[in-house]
Every structure is written in structure tokens, then in C-alpha cells.
């Protein structure tokens, strides 16, 4: 199977898996991450096949959507093996997927390859700006979280378990993750894009709190 055909099969598979997903991690999120990762990867001189495959599969075993620990090997790895990819290519793609996720404000998430850097950047950029705001509230609603509670302060989680098990109001997520992303980008292009998206979120929060206090 040539790489173009494999990418198309993987795209079709992910559309079927994520069609109608309502937590902000739908097929359109995956496709935006894929497009941004290819954009960044092209500028950084990456292996674009590995970048594209990792971006397409990056949410298949996401802990927010499935109990990934119940899948050994992961669903992504099973898919890649079924596609008869060379083992070294499978390993590179799986390593990227493992490097992508944010795991808490106090948890470092280093990447182990240039390809991982651009996929991580692409995924994080989609958590910022106008779409990032929409996705954040979609996820909060999906998990039946409050929009905001002034009595619940944001927490800078020091370990993945604390971050993973948090059920704080959605506004807290801006301070616990989204506003931190600008300074955690890997590539220069992503850093530049992140500035504008970060500023948009800051403006939104200013407006939110003024309306919350009935001042505007």
C-alpha cells in the first residue's frame, strides 16, 4: 500500500470513529490539527507522512475520550500494524502520539522528535483562540461542568493524575492550561500564531468577568 492510500484509509477510519463526537474532539478538530501540523512540518523540514499519520491518530486513545489503559497495544498501534507499516515507522508515530498531550501546569511534556514538536504545537494551537474557547465550553458541557464558580480557584496541577481527575468549572481551564500554552510552543511559527490566539482569549476573559459582575 502506498502512503497516499494509507492516509486516505486512515482519514476514512477517523471520520467514522469521530463523526458526531460532542466534546470538542471531533473529526473537524483532528482535521485542523492535521492541516496545521503539515503547515508547521513543511516549514521545519519534517517527515510529512509521519506528521500526518500522527496528527490523524492523535486522539484515538485520548484519555479524555476513552479508557486508553484498557487497550494494549493501543488502538492507534493496532491500526498501524494492520496497515502493514514498517515497525520503525509505527514506533515513531506512536511516540509522537504519546508526546502530544498536556498533562498539567506543573508537568513538563518534552518532545522527542521534530515531528512530535509540530504535532504537539498544532494540537495546542487548536486549544487556543476563538475555536479553543468554543471547544473548551463544549468539553465542559459534555462533562456537565459548571461554567464558573468564584469560590473555586484555579489549580496548577503538579501531576498528571490531579489534572486528569479535576472537575473544576470550565473558566478555570483557561488558567490551568489554555493561557499557559503560548509559552510552551516548540516552533517559531507556532509561537507567532499563539500570540494572537492568546490575546483573543485574554480579551474574552476580560469581557466575561465584566458581564459576570453586570458591569457591561
Foldseek 3Di string as FASTA:
>chain_A
DDLVVLLVVLLVVQQVVFPPPFLLPGSVLLVQLLVQLLVQCVVVVHPNSLLNLLSSCLCVQPVLVDVQVVDVVGPSLVSCVVVVDDPVSSVSSVLLSVQQDDQFQQDDRDHDDPSSLSSNLSSLLCCFAPNVVVSLVSNLVVVVAAQDDPVDAADRDNGRVCVSPDRHHSVSCCVTPNLPVLVVHDDPVSNVSSVVRNVNVVVVVVVVVCVVVPND
